[in-house]
Protein backbone atom coordinates (compact mmCIF):
# COMPACT_ATOMS: atom_id res chain seq x y z
CA MET A 1 -25.45 -4.32 -11.13
CA ALA A 2 -25.76 -7.83 -9.69
CA PRO A 3 -23.48 -8.47 -6.70
CA VAL A 4 -20.17 -10.15 -7.53
CA THR A 5 -20.15 -13.91 -6.86
CA SER A 6 -17.18 -14.55 -4.59
CA LEU A 7 -14.62 -17.20 -5.46
CA THR A 8 -15.68 -19.14 -2.37
CA ALA A 9 -19.26 -19.21 -3.69
CA SER A 10 -18.11 -20.18 -7.24
CA VAL A 11 -15.96 -23.07 -5.97
CA HIS A 12 -18.77 -24.12 -3.60
CA GLN A 13 -21.18 -24.28 -6.56
CA HIS A 14 -18.74 -26.34 -8.68
CA LEU A 15 -18.26 -28.82 -5.84
CA ALA A 16 -21.97 -29.09 -4.99
CA THR A 17 -22.72 -29.91 -8.65
CA ALA A 18 -19.92 -32.51 -8.78
CA LEU A 19 -21.09 -34.08 -5.49
CA THR A 20 -24.63 -34.52 -6.82
CA SER A 21 -23.31 -36.03 -10.07
CA ALA A 22 -21.15 -38.54 -8.18
CA LEU A 23 -23.81 -39.33 -5.57
CA PRO A 24 -27.36 -38.19 -6.46
CA GLU A 25 -28.56 -38.47 -2.83
CA ALA A 26 -25.96 -35.80 -1.91
CA ASP A 27 -28.12 -33.07 -3.47
CA GLY A 28 -28.08 -30.03 -1.15
CA VAL A 29 -25.22 -31.36 1.03
CA ASP A 30 -22.71 -28.71 2.12
CA PRO A 31 -19.17 -29.52 0.87
CA LEU A 32 -17.79 -27.63 3.94
CA LEU A 33 -15.40 -25.38 2.07
CA ARG A 34 -12.85 -23.22 3.88
CA ARG A 35 -9.63 -21.35 3.14
CA SER A 36 -6.56 -23.52 3.59
CA ASP A 37 -2.80 -23.09 3.86
CA ARG A 38 -2.31 -26.29 1.81
CA ALA A 39 -4.14 -24.90 -1.23
CA ASP A 40 -6.54 -22.00 -1.82
CA PHE A 41 -9.47 -23.95 -0.37
CA GLN A 42 -10.13 -27.26 1.35
CA ALA A 43 -13.45 -29.17 1.36
CA ASN A 44 -14.09 -31.56 4.27
CA GLY A 45 -17.74 -32.46 3.65
CA ILE A 46 -17.04 -35.77 1.91
CA LEU A 47 -16.00 -37.54 5.14
CA ALA A 48 -19.46 -37.22 6.76
CA LEU A 49 -21.19 -37.95 3.45
CA ALA A 50 -19.18 -41.16 2.90
CA LYS A 51 -19.97 -42.33 6.43
CA LYS A 52 -23.68 -41.80 5.78
CA ALA A 53 -23.53 -43.55 2.36
CA LYS A 54 -21.32 -46.33 3.86
CA ALA A 55 -18.70 -45.60 1.17
CA ASN A 56 -14.91 -45.29 1.31
CA PRO A 57 -14.24 -41.52 1.69
CA ARG A 58 -11.13 -41.53 -0.53
CA ASP A 59 -12.98 -43.41 -3.28
CA LEU A 60 -15.94 -41.04 -3.07
CA ALA A 61 -13.56 -38.04 -3.13
CA THR A 62 -11.88 -39.45 -6.26
CA GLN A 63 -15.28 -39.83 -7.94
CA VAL A 64 -16.16 -36.20 -7.08
CA VAL A 65 -12.83 -34.96 -8.51
CA ALA A 66 -13.64 -36.76 -11.79
CA GLN A 67 -16.88 -34.75 -12.02
CA VAL A 68 -15.30 -31.31 -11.41
CA THR A 69 -14.78 -29.15 -14.47
CA THR A 70 -11.44 -27.35 -14.32
CA GLY A 71 -10.84 -24.26 -16.44
CA ASP A 72 -11.87 -20.67 -15.84
CA VAL A 73 -12.27 -20.90 -12.06
CA ILE A 74 -10.74 -24.14 -10.76
CA LYS A 75 -7.17 -24.76 -11.83
CA ASP A 76 -6.47 -27.89 -9.84
CA ILE A 77 -8.28 -30.25 -7.43
CA GLU A 78 -6.76 -33.23 -5.62
CA VAL A 79 -7.67 -35.73 -2.93
CA SER A 80 -5.69 -35.40 0.31
CA GLY A 81 -5.53 -37.44 3.55
CA PRO A 82 -8.59 -39.55 4.38
CA GLY A 83 -10.82 -37.79 1.81
CA PHE A 84 -10.28 -34.04 1.92
CA LEU A 85 -10.27 -32.07 -1.34
CA ASN A 86 -7.60 -29.43 -1.92
CA ILE A 87 -8.64 -26.84 -4.52
CA THR A 88 -6.53 -24.20 -6.27
CA VAL A 89 -8.24 -21.48 -8.32
CA THR A 90 -6.79 -19.83 -11.43
CA ASP A 91 -4.90 -16.53 -11.29
CA GLN A 92 -7.27 -15.24 -13.93
CA ALA A 93 -10.34 -15.97 -11.77
CA ILE A 94 -8.81 -13.99 -8.86
CA THR A 95 -8.04 -10.94 -11.02
CA ASN A 96 -11.39 -11.08 -12.86
CA ASN A 97 -13.29 -11.15 -9.58
CA LEU A 98 -11.38 -8.18 -8.18
CA ALA A 99 -11.93 -6.26 -11.44
CA ALA A 100 -15.69 -6.87 -11.15
CA ARG A 101 -15.59 -5.56 -7.56
CA ALA A 102 -13.56 -2.51 -8.58
CA THR A 103 -16.00 -1.52 -11.31
CA ASP A 104 -19.18 -1.90 -9.20
CA PRO A 105 -21.20 1.16 -10.32
CA ASP A 106 -22.72 1.50 -6.82
CA ALA A 107 -19.19 1.75 -5.34
CA ARG A 108 -20.01 -1.09 -2.92
CA LEU A 109 -17.12 -3.35 -4.04
CA GLY A 110 -19.70 -5.91 -5.18
CA VAL A 111 -21.15 -6.37 -1.68
CA PRO A 112 -24.82 -7.39 -2.01
CA THR A 113 -27.68 -5.87 -0.02
CA SER A 114 -30.18 -8.15 1.69
CA ALA A 115 -32.96 -9.48 -0.52
CA THR A 116 -35.32 -9.48 2.49
CA PRO A 117 -34.35 -6.58 4.77
CA GLY A 118 -36.15 -6.32 8.10
CA THR A 119 -36.42 -3.48 10.61
CA THR A 120 -34.00 -3.46 13.53
CA VAL A 121 -34.39 -1.03 16.43
CA ILE A 122 -31.00 -0.69 18.10
CA ASP A 123 -30.76 0.76 21.61
CA TYR A 124 -27.23 2.06 22.30
CA ALA A 125 -25.29 5.07 23.67
CA GLN A 126 -27.49 5.75 26.70
CA PRO A 127 -25.93 8.44 28.95
CA ASN A 128 -27.71 9.96 31.97
CA VAL A 129 -29.04 13.51 32.14
CA ALA A 130 -27.10 15.87 34.45
CA LYS A 131 -24.30 13.32 34.82
CA GLU A 132 -20.81 13.19 33.35
CA MET A 133 -20.16 10.45 30.76
CA HIS A 134 -17.41 8.10 31.97
CA VAL A 135 -15.39 5.22 30.54
CA GLY A 136 -18.35 2.87 31.11
CA HIS A 137 -20.31 4.74 28.43
CA LEU A 138 -17.67 4.10 25.77
CA ARG A 139 -18.47 0.56 24.69
CA SER A 140 -22.22 0.89 24.13
CA ALA A 141 -21.61 3.95 21.92
CA VAL A 142 -18.71 2.51 19.89
CA ILE A 143 -20.10 -1.01 19.43
CA GLY A 144 -23.62 0.28 18.72
CA ASP A 145 -22.42 2.77 16.12
CA SER A 146 -20.44 0.10 14.25
CA VAL A 147 -23.37 -2.35 14.28
CA VAL A 148 -25.58 0.44 12.87
CA GLN A 149 -23.07 1.00 10.02
CA LEU A 150 -22.82 -2.75 9.28
CA LEU A 151 -26.58 -3.31 9.27
CA GLU A 152 -27.32 -0.24 7.15
CA PHE A 153 -24.63 -1.27 4.65
CA THR A 154 -26.33 -4.65 4.19
CA GLY A 155 -29.66 -2.91 3.47
CA GLU A 156 -31.41 -3.42 6.83
CA ASN A 157 -33.88 -0.69 7.92
CA VAL A 158 -32.29 0.58 11.12
CA VAL A 159 -34.03 2.73 13.73
CA ARG A 160 -31.62 4.16 16.31
CA ARG A 161 -32.72 4.74 19.88
CA HIS A 162 -30.71 6.44 22.64
CA HIS A 163 -32.56 5.50 25.83
CA ILE A 164 -31.08 8.25 28.01
CA GLY A 165 -31.65 8.31 31.77
CA ASP A 166 -33.85 11.42 31.97
CA TRP A 167 -36.38 10.53 34.68
CA GLY A 168 -36.36 9.57 38.34
CA THR A 169 -36.41 10.80 41.91
CA GLN A 170 -33.06 12.66 41.66
CA PHE A 171 -34.79 15.29 39.49
CA GLY A 172 -36.89 16.44 42.46
CA MET A 173 -33.71 17.53 44.24
CA LEU A 174 -32.27 19.21 41.11
CA ILE A 175 -35.46 21.03 40.10
CA GLN A 176 -36.10 22.30 43.63
CA TYR A 177 -32.51 23.58 43.88
CA LEU A 178 -32.78 25.33 40.51
CA ASP A 179 -36.06 26.93 41.62
CA GLU A 180 -34.36 28.33 44.70
CA HIS A 181 -31.21 29.37 42.73
CA PRO A 182 -32.79 30.33 39.38
CA HIS A 183 -29.65 31.58 37.58
CA GLU A 184 -27.49 28.47 38.03
CA LEU A 185 -27.99 27.29 34.42
CA ASP A 186 -27.98 30.74 32.75
CA HIS A 187 -25.46 31.37 29.94
CA GLU A 188 -23.78 34.66 29.20
CA ASP A 189 -23.15 33.62 25.60
CA THR A 190 -25.69 32.02 23.28
CA GLU A 191 -23.05 29.48 22.20
CA VAL A 192 -22.05 27.24 25.07
CA SER A 193 -19.52 24.41 24.86
CA GLY A 194 -20.25 20.89 26.01
CA GLU A 195 -17.54 21.19 28.66
CA GLU A 196 -19.15 24.37 30.04
CA ALA A 197 -22.63 22.81 30.03
CA MET A 198 -21.34 19.81 31.99
CA SER A 199 -19.44 21.93 34.47
CA ASN A 200 -22.65 23.95 35.17
CA LEU A 201 -24.65 20.73 35.68
CA ASP A 202 -21.95 19.14 37.82
CA ARG A 203 -21.66 22.20 40.07
CA LEU A 204 -25.46 22.34 40.49
CA TYR A 205 -25.72 18.57 41.14
CA LYS A 206 -23.06 18.70 43.89
CA SER A 207 -24.60 21.76 45.56
CA ALA A 208 -28.09 20.22 45.44
CA ARG A 209 -26.80 16.91 46.83
CA ARG A 210 -24.99 18.70 49.72
CA LEU A 211 -28.17 20.58 50.63
CA PHE A 212 -30.34 17.46 50.28
CA ASP A 213 -28.09 15.50 52.65
CA SER A 214 -27.83 18.28 55.28
CA ASP A 215 -31.19 20.09 55.25
CA GLU A 216 -34.31 18.08 56.18
CA GLU A 217 -36.69 20.85 55.05
CA PHE A 218 -35.06 21.03 51.59
CA LYS A 219 -35.26 17.23 51.39
CA THR A 220 -39.04 17.41 52.06
CA ARG A 221 -39.50 20.13 49.39
CA ALA A 222 -37.42 18.09 46.90
CA ARG A 223 -39.53 14.97 47.47
CA ARG A 224 -42.69 16.99 46.87
CA ARG A 225 -41.21 18.09 43.53
CA VAL A 226 -40.88 14.44 42.47
CA VAL A 227 -44.64 14.09 42.94
CA ASP A 228 -45.22 17.32 40.94
CA LEU A 229 -42.93 16.05 38.16
CA GLN A 230 -44.72 12.72 37.91
CA ALA A 231 -48.10 14.47 37.95
CA GLY A 232 -46.99 16.55 34.93
CA ASP A 233 -47.03 19.97 36.65
CA PRO A 234 -46.11 22.44 33.81
CA ARG A 235 -43.70 24.62 35.85
CA THR A 236 -41.85 21.56 37.17
CA LEU A 237 -41.68 20.03 33.67
CA ALA A 238 -40.24 23.29 32.28
CA SER A 239 -37.43 23.17 34.88
CA TRP A 240 -36.84 19.48 34.11
CA GLN A 241 -36.57 20.31 30.39
CA LYS A 242 -33.74 22.78 31.18
CA PHE A 243 -31.69 19.91 32.61
CA VAL A 244 -32.38 17.74 29.56
CA ASP A 245 -31.45 20.54 27.11
CA GLU A 246 -28.25 21.44 29.00
CA SER A 247 -27.25 17.75 29.11
CA LYS A 248 -27.84 17.37 25.37
CA ILE A 249 -25.37 20.18 24.63
CA TYR A 250 -22.82 18.12 26.55
CA PHE A 251 -23.84 14.74 25.02
CA PHE A 252 -23.59 16.07 21.47
CA SER A 253 -20.11 17.49 22.14
CA VAL A 254 -18.87 14.07 23.40
CA PHE A 255 -20.42 12.14 20.50
CA GLU A 256 -18.94 14.67 18.07
CA LYS A 257 -15.50 14.06 19.61
CA LEU A 258 -16.15 10.32 19.16
CA ASP A 259 -16.91 11.08 15.48
CA MET A 260 -20.37 9.56 15.85
CA GLU A 261 -23.63 10.82 14.45
CA VAL A 262 -26.33 11.09 17.11
CA ARG A 263 -29.57 12.74 15.97
CA ASP A 264 -31.96 14.52 18.31
CA PRO A 265 -35.13 12.64 17.16
CA ASP A 266 -33.39 9.34 17.98
CA ILE A 267 -32.94 10.39 21.62
CA VAL A 268 -36.00 8.92 23.33
CA GLY A 269 -35.28 8.68 27.03
CA GLU A 270 -37.13 6.98 29.87
CA SER A 271 -39.58 9.91 29.98
CA GLY A 272 -40.67 9.12 26.40
CA TYR A 273 -42.64 6.12 27.67
CA ASN A 274 -44.36 7.74 30.70
CA ASP A 275 -47.78 7.81 29.00
CA MET A 276 -47.61 4.05 28.37
CA LEU A 277 -46.64 2.82 31.86
CA ALA A 278 -50.12 2.46 33.39
CA GLU A 279 -51.41 0.62 30.31
CA THR A 280 -48.37 -1.70 30.24
CA CYS A 281 -49.11 -2.66 33.85
CA ARG A 282 -52.84 -3.12 33.14
CA LEU A 283 -52.13 -5.40 30.13
CA LEU A 284 -49.68 -7.52 32.13
CA GLU A 285 -52.02 -7.85 35.12
CA GLU A 286 -55.16 -8.58 33.09
CA SER A 287 -53.40 -11.29 31.06
CA GLY A 288 -52.10 -12.90 34.25
CA VAL A 289 -48.47 -12.44 33.20
CA ALA A 290 -47.90 -10.21 36.26
CA VAL A 291 -49.44 -10.75 39.72
CA ARG A 292 -49.73 -8.65 42.88
CA SER A 293 -47.35 -9.68 45.63
CA GLU A 294 -47.19 -7.67 48.86
CA GLY A 295 -48.80 -4.79 46.97
CA ALA A 296 -46.25 -4.75 44.12
CA LEU A 297 -46.94 -5.91 40.57
CA CYS A 298 -44.48 -8.72 39.88
CA VAL A 299 -43.52 -11.31 37.27
CA PHE A 300 -42.06 -14.57 38.63
CA PHE A 301 -39.66 -17.03 36.96
CA ASP A 302 -38.92 -20.64 37.93
CA ASP A 303 -35.22 -20.29 37.20
CA VAL A 304 -34.54 -16.96 38.95
CA LYS A 305 -34.04 -17.39 42.69
CA GLY A 306 -32.22 -15.42 45.38
CA PRO A 307 -29.49 -16.73 47.73
CA ASP A 308 -32.25 -17.90 50.14
CA GLY A 309 -33.83 -20.07 47.42
CA ASN A 310 -36.93 -17.85 47.14
CA PRO A 311 -37.97 -16.59 43.68
CA VAL A 312 -36.70 -13.11 42.72
CA PRO A 313 -39.42 -11.37 40.70
CA LEU A 314 -39.24 -8.64 38.09
CA ILE A 315 -41.01 -5.73 39.80
CA VAL A 316 -43.04 -3.80 37.22
CA GLN A 317 -44.82 -1.49 39.70
CA LYS A 318 -43.77 -0.88 43.30
CA SER A 319 -46.20 -1.17 46.21
CA ASP A 320 -46.29 2.65 46.51
CA GLY A 321 -47.51 2.91 42.90
CA GLY A 322 -44.15 4.04 41.47
CA TYR A 323 -42.77 2.47 38.30
CA GLY A 324 -39.34 0.86 37.99
CA TYR A 325 -37.02 0.32 35.02
CA ALA A 326 -38.95 -2.82 34.05
CA ALA A 327 -42.16 -0.87 33.31
CA THR A 328 -40.22 1.57 31.12
CA ASP A 329 -38.32 -1.19 29.28
CA LEU A 330 -41.52 -3.17 28.65
CA SER A 331 -43.30 -0.04 27.40
CA ALA A 332 -40.35 0.63 25.07
CA ILE A 333 -40.73 -2.91 23.68
CA ARG A 334 -44.42 -2.28 22.98
CA ASP A 335 -43.57 1.01 21.23
CA ARG A 336 -40.79 -0.56 19.14
CA VAL A 337 -42.85 -3.58 18.11
CA PHE A 338 -46.26 -2.00 17.46
CA ASN A 339 -45.36 1.59 16.42
CA LEU A 340 -41.92 1.18 14.85
CA LYS A 341 -42.82 -2.26 13.40
CA ALA A 342 -39.51 -3.84 14.39
CA ASN A 343 -38.59 -7.45 13.59
CA THR A 344 -35.50 -7.29 15.79
CA LEU A 345 -34.84 -5.34 18.98
CA LEU A 346 -31.13 -5.06 19.71
CA TYR A 347 -29.87 -3.78 23.05
CA VAL A 348 -26.18 -2.84 23.32
CA VAL A 349 -25.99 -3.02 27.09
CA ASP A 350 -23.42 -3.99 29.75
CA ALA A 351 -23.31 -7.75 30.48
CA ARG A 352 -23.99 -6.95 34.15
CA GLN A 353 -27.59 -6.14 33.16
CA SER A 354 -28.10 -9.52 31.48
CA LEU A 355 -30.44 -10.92 34.16
CA HIS A 356 -32.68 -7.83 34.02
CA PHE A 357 -33.02 -8.07 30.23
CA LYS A 358 -33.53 -11.83 30.31
CA MET A 359 -36.51 -11.26 32.65
CA VAL A 360 -37.86 -8.32 30.61
CA PHE A 361 -37.66 -10.26 27.32
CA GLU A 362 -39.31 -13.35 28.85
CA THR A 363 -42.12 -11.15 30.26
CA ALA A 364 -42.67 -9.59 26.81
CA ARG A 365 -42.78 -13.10 25.27
CA ARG A 366 -45.39 -14.26 27.80
CA ALA A 367 -47.44 -11.15 26.99
CA GLY A 368 -47.22 -12.00 23.27
CA TRP A 369 -45.31 -8.82 22.34
CA LEU A 370 -42.26 -10.86 21.31
CA ASN A 371 -42.72 -14.08 19.32
CA ASP A 372 -41.16 -16.08 16.47
CA ASP A 373 -41.46 -13.06 14.14
CA VAL A 374 -40.16 -10.43 16.56
CA THR A 375 -37.04 -11.19 18.57
CA ALA A 376 -35.10 -9.25 21.19
CA VAL A 377 -31.34 -9.67 21.59
CA GLN A 378 -28.97 -8.24 24.18
CA LEU A 379 -25.55 -7.56 22.68
CA ALA A 380 -23.89 -7.78 26.08
CA PHE A 381 -20.45 -6.23 26.46
CA GLY A 382 -17.68 -6.70 29.01
CA THR A 383 -15.87 -4.16 31.16
CA VAL A 384 -13.07 -1.74 30.27
CA LEU A 385 -10.10 -2.61 32.49
CA GLY A 386 -6.99 -0.67 33.41
CA LYS A 387 -3.49 -1.99 32.65
CA ASP A 388 -3.61 -3.78 36.03
CA GLY A 389 -6.56 -5.87 34.85
CA LYS A 390 -8.99 -4.23 37.31
CA PRO A 391 -11.94 -1.99 36.34
CA PHE A 392 -10.51 1.24 34.94
CA LYS A 393 -10.27 4.00 37.59
CA THR A 394 -8.23 7.17 38.19
CA ARG A 395 -5.38 7.10 40.76
CA GLU A 396 -7.87 8.50 43.29
CA GLY A 397 -10.19 5.56 42.61
CA GLU A 398 -12.73 7.69 40.71
CA THR A 399 -14.35 6.60 37.44
CA VAL A 400 -12.48 8.03 34.46
CA ARG A 401 -14.19 10.88 32.58
CA LEU A 402 -14.74 9.86 28.95
CA VAL A 403 -13.65 13.27 27.63
CA ASP A 404 -10.31 13.05 29.49
CA LEU A 405 -9.71 9.62 28.04
CA LEU A 406 -10.40 10.77 24.47
CA ASP A 407 -8.28 13.91 24.87
CA GLU A 408 -5.33 11.86 26.09
CA ALA A 409 -5.69 9.45 23.14
CA ILE A 410 -5.70 12.40 20.71
CA GLU A 411 -2.64 13.90 22.43
CA ARG A 412 -0.68 10.61 22.21
CA ALA A 413 -1.72 10.02 18.59
CA THR A 414 -0.77 13.58 17.59
CA ALA A 415 2.73 12.96 18.99
CA VAL A 416 2.99 9.75 16.90
CA VAL A 417 1.85 11.55 13.71
CA ARG A 418 4.31 14.42 14.32
CA GLU A 419 7.17 11.97 14.98
CA LYS A 420 6.44 10.00 11.79
CA ASP A 421 6.31 13.16 9.65
CA THR A 422 10.10 13.25 9.23
CA GLN A 423 9.89 15.14 5.89
CA HIS A 424 7.70 17.87 7.47
CA GLN A 425 5.06 17.43 4.78
CA LEU A 426 2.14 18.16 7.13
CA SER A 427 1.20 21.58 8.53
CA ASP A 428 0.45 21.96 12.26
CA ALA A 429 -3.29 22.07 11.46
CA GLU A 430 -2.98 18.85 9.42
CA ILE A 431 -1.05 17.16 12.21
CA ALA A 432 -3.77 18.13 14.72
CA ASP A 433 -6.50 16.91 12.35
CA ARG A 434 -4.74 13.56 11.67
CA GLY A 435 -3.93 13.21 15.39
CA THR A 436 -7.63 13.43 16.20
CA GLN A 437 -8.55 10.84 13.55
CA VAL A 438 -5.77 8.48 14.64
CA GLY A 439 -6.46 8.93 18.38
CA ILE A 440 -10.22 8.40 18.18
CA GLY A 441 -9.67 5.53 15.71
CA ALA A 442 -7.24 3.92 18.16
CA VAL A 443 -9.79 3.99 21.00
CA LYS A 444 -12.59 2.62 18.81
CA TYR A 445 -10.46 -0.11 17.25
CA ALA A 446 -9.15 -1.36 20.62
CA ASP A 447 -12.76 -1.76 21.69
CA LEU A 448 -14.10 -3.23 18.43
CA SER A 449 -11.24 -5.66 17.82
CA THR A 450 -12.19 -7.44 21.06
CA SER A 451 -15.26 -9.67 21.01
CA ALA A 452 -17.95 -7.54 22.70
CA ASN A 453 -18.67 -9.98 25.53
CA ARG A 454 -15.04 -10.00 26.69
CA ASP A 455 -13.40 -7.45 28.99
CA TYR A 456 -10.43 -5.58 27.53
CA LYS A 457 -7.50 -3.61 28.89
CA PHE A 458 -7.38 0.07 28.06
CA ASP A 459 -3.70 0.59 27.24
CA LEU A 460 -3.04 3.80 25.27
CA ASP A 461 0.62 2.92 24.61
CA GLN A 462 -0.50 -0.23 22.80
CA MET A 463 -3.48 1.48 21.09
CA VAL A 464 -1.40 4.14 19.32
CA SER A 465 1.42 1.73 18.43
CA LEU A 466 2.37 1.42 14.75
CA ASN A 467 3.06 -2.28 15.25
CA GLY A 468 0.55 -5.02 15.91
CA ASP A 469 -3.21 -5.20 15.72
CA THR A 470 -4.04 -1.47 15.99
CA SER A 471 -6.01 0.99 13.89
CA VAL A 472 -2.82 3.06 13.51
CA TYR A 473 -1.20 0.15 11.65
CA LEU A 474 -4.26 -0.04 9.33
CA GLN A 475 -4.37 3.74 8.79
CA TYR A 476 -0.67 3.85 7.90
CA ALA A 477 -1.13 0.92 5.47
CA TYR A 478 -3.92 2.89 3.76
CA ALA A 479 -1.87 6.12 3.65
CA ARG A 480 1.11 4.21 2.22
CA ILE A 481 -1.05 2.86 -0.63
CA GLN A 482 -2.38 6.35 -1.36
CA SER A 483 1.19 7.63 -1.54
CA ILE A 484 2.09 4.92 -4.13
CA LEU A 485 -1.01 5.71 -6.20
CA ARG A 486 -0.16 9.45 -6.14
CA LYS A 487 3.40 8.73 -7.29
CA SER A 488 2.13 6.59 -10.16
CA GLY A 489 -0.27 9.31 -11.34
CA ASP A 490 -2.67 6.50 -12.29
CA THR A 491 -6.09 7.40 -10.87
CA ARG A 492 -7.88 4.12 -11.59
CA PRO A 493 -5.38 1.47 -12.75
CA ALA A 494 -6.85 -1.37 -14.84
CA ALA A 495 -6.60 -5.08 -14.07
CA HIS A 496 -4.68 -7.52 -16.28
CA PRO A 497 -6.31 -10.97 -15.89
CA GLU A 498 -3.90 -12.46 -18.45
CA LEU A 499 -0.92 -12.13 -16.07
CA ALA A 500 0.37 -14.85 -13.77
CA LEU A 501 0.33 -13.82 -10.09
CA HIS A 502 3.03 -14.03 -7.41
CA GLU A 503 2.07 -16.06 -4.31
CA ALA A 504 1.77 -12.83 -2.26
CA GLU A 505 -0.53 -11.30 -4.92
CA ARG A 506 -2.74 -14.40 -4.83
CA ALA A 507 -3.01 -14.37 -1.02
CA LEU A 508 -3.91 -10.66 -1.02
CA GLY A 509 -6.39 -11.06 -3.90
CA LEU A 510 -8.20 -14.01 -2.32
CA HIS A 511 -8.54 -12.08 0.96
CA VAL A 512 -9.88 -8.93 -0.75
CA ASP A 513 -12.44 -11.14 -2.49
CA ALA A 514 -13.70 -12.35 0.92
CA PHE A 515 -14.75 -8.82 2.02
CA ALA A 516 -18.43 -9.26 1.10
CA GLU A 517 -18.66 -12.52 3.06
CA THR A 518 -17.06 -10.84 6.07
CA VAL A 519 -19.57 -7.96 5.92
CA ALA A 520 -22.46 -10.44 5.85
CA GLU A 521 -21.06 -12.45 8.76
CA ALA A 522 -20.18 -9.42 10.93
CA ALA A 523 -23.64 -7.88 10.33
CA SER A 524 -25.69 -11.04 10.92
CA GLU A 525 -23.78 -11.89 14.12
CA TYR A 526 -23.55 -8.26 15.36
CA ALA A 527 -19.80 -8.90 15.48
CA PRO A 528 -17.66 -5.87 14.52
CA HIS A 529 -14.61 -7.76 15.86
CA LYS A 530 -14.85 -10.08 12.83
CA MET A 531 -14.53 -7.07 10.51
CA ALA A 532 -11.59 -5.76 12.58
CA ALA A 533 -9.82 -9.15 12.34
CA TYR A 534 -10.43 -9.22 8.57
CA LEU A 535 -8.96 -5.73 8.12
CA TYR A 536 -5.88 -6.48 10.22
CA GLN A 537 -5.21 -9.55 8.09
CA LEU A 538 -5.79 -7.47 4.95
CA ALA A 539 -3.17 -4.91 6.03
CA SER A 540 -0.75 -7.71 6.99
CA LEU A 541 -1.16 -9.43 3.59
CA TYR A 542 -0.67 -6.07 1.89
CA THR A 543 2.56 -5.52 3.84
CA SER A 544 3.79 -8.95 2.73
CA PHE A 545 2.83 -8.22 -0.92
CA TYR A 546 4.58 -4.82 -0.75
CA ASP A 547 7.77 -6.44 0.60
CA LYS A 548 7.87 -9.21 -2.04
CA CYS A 549 6.42 -7.58 -5.19
CA PRO A 550 7.90 -4.34 -6.55
CA VAL A 551 5.00 -2.14 -7.67
CA LEU A 552 6.33 0.85 -9.59
CA LYS A 553 9.48 -1.08 -10.58
CA ALA A 554 7.76 -4.29 -11.73
CA ASP A 555 9.13 -6.08 -14.84
CA THR A 556 6.57 -4.91 -17.41
CA ALA A 557 4.16 -1.98 -17.86
CA ALA A 558 1.22 -4.41 -17.60
CA GLN A 559 2.56 -5.82 -14.34
CA VAL A 560 3.06 -2.31 -12.92
CA GLU A 561 -0.56 -1.50 -13.74
CA ASN A 562 -1.91 -4.79 -12.36
CA ARG A 563 -0.02 -4.29 -9.09
CA LEU A 564 -1.27 -0.71 -8.87
CA PHE A 565 -4.76 -2.13 -9.43
CA LEU A 566 -4.20 -4.52 -6.49
CA CYS A 567 -3.02 -1.58 -4.36
CA ASP A 568 -6.11 0.42 -5.30
CA ILE A 569 -8.70 -2.31 -4.61
CA THR A 570 -6.95 -3.07 -1.28
CA ALA A 571 -7.10 0.61 -0.28
CA ARG A 572 -10.77 0.88 -1.22
CA THR A 573 -11.57 -2.25 0.80
CA LEU A 574 -9.62 -0.93 3.81
CA HIS A 575 -11.39 2.43 3.56
CA GLN A 576 -14.86 0.86 3.38
CA GLY A 577 -14.15 -1.67 6.13
CA MET A 578 -12.78 1.01 8.48
CA ALA A 579 -15.84 3.20 7.78
CA LEU A 580 -18.02 0.28 8.94
CA LEU A 581 -16.11 0.43 12.24
CA GLY A 582 -16.65 4.20 12.40
CA ILE A 583 -12.93 4.92 11.83
CA ARG A 584 -11.49 7.42 9.35
CA THR A 585 -8.62 6.67 6.97
CA PRO A 586 -6.55 9.83 6.31
CA GLU A 587 -5.14 10.08 2.77
CA ARG A 588 -1.75 11.27 4.05
CA LEU A 589 0.00 10.40 7.29
């Protein structure tokens, strides 16, 4: 089925045709159409056009109005102010459009897929091996997962990459300690929980660190192991693999709690690019992009200088021959461009790493790996703050463990669900299940409803509130609609385009119709917060409709069915939109 043409697009087309008829040189000019509180839409494009044509804007607007055909779509069009056009669409057009969305055989609500999909490699959710995930790991995972859902829904080919920290000098210390205490990572049971895996790793890390700091001989042995690891010694690599495998048990348990799909083949850590590092350096040096400076291989930039005014280079290879993050990141770019055939590389990474990525991307451009056809973008995100507006820490000043944070959100949400279940319709198991969906949804929504580049305050009381811009409010709106549909017994109510609509029905219908445009905008701008804002407005307009328009007690049978149809298409839009944010919508709450 062809995608449904939105009312915005239909009105836009009518106006563009009328503009060209009134002023032939206006062919292709944008009428600048937007939603308005004065009418359904307002067009402002005539002002600039009149200035260019040296015409009176009101006169030109009047000529355009004369060329507009009213009828099926446009009910009324009038000139306002200095030359704006206020446009009202017909009730029938609103209902017809929603009916076309409701009957989309692909169950996509008439949302089109891209005619020219590209390949995007998205790098997100990058925890470190043998280290606990903390609150700082939350945003990359949540924002990245939502952007994946949005892009895939629009038809983009998406390759996920989790660039875990699985290489580096700290592994010498860990491997040497494990060699000398070989049973530290043994399991009594074959099934081990993520919590248990992390506690084993944490205990080993702390013991190894204590020994490393206090015993010079152990420190020497540990440093030798780093050399063995980098040389690819099989016994050392086998020990290293144990740390990676144990960490993955833990990672998967955290991502499962976050209700996120992370697949093992998509986890390609720093070590995945080891075989490419020497060649990356050779290519950069031979092409003159990188130069030797005091023994290190460096890339210099005119606009990056230190406090002393001297240039700060990107160090690709250290003077001792070791490789830094830059060599790994540049090798990853080569792999993603030449092997994975990406058109877009998207990095969901903390804003504090912006300078590093700016330098890496510019280096890749100079080397010819990035160009007009292949772009790299950092989707930089801000910091999670505590209620006091400072970076989120425990009372002891430690970073907050991600698992503790999620568990507390689930606990708070479960209490809200239990409190709201006054009729005792849910079993304890159902309350626990809904509590998990509401709690995790609350954490994700608080993150996604803020523009990624801004910091936000982590306030659980606000997150699990039933009032205001929260996922709980959206989930309860969805559950309320499902309850009405169950009471009606009407599984798929039909639309009645012949009926006049109440103002609240019109407002809701016009907003539902804008879903496809919101998907396109949120996906192309990597902006889940735009989808969150759309859904909050959708739930608010539904609440207003529900307050003003009786559904099951409407005046006629046709009106009952049409209002049930509006309920149903709203619920389906809420469900799909929330899924694009990675949030579940329970049928009963």
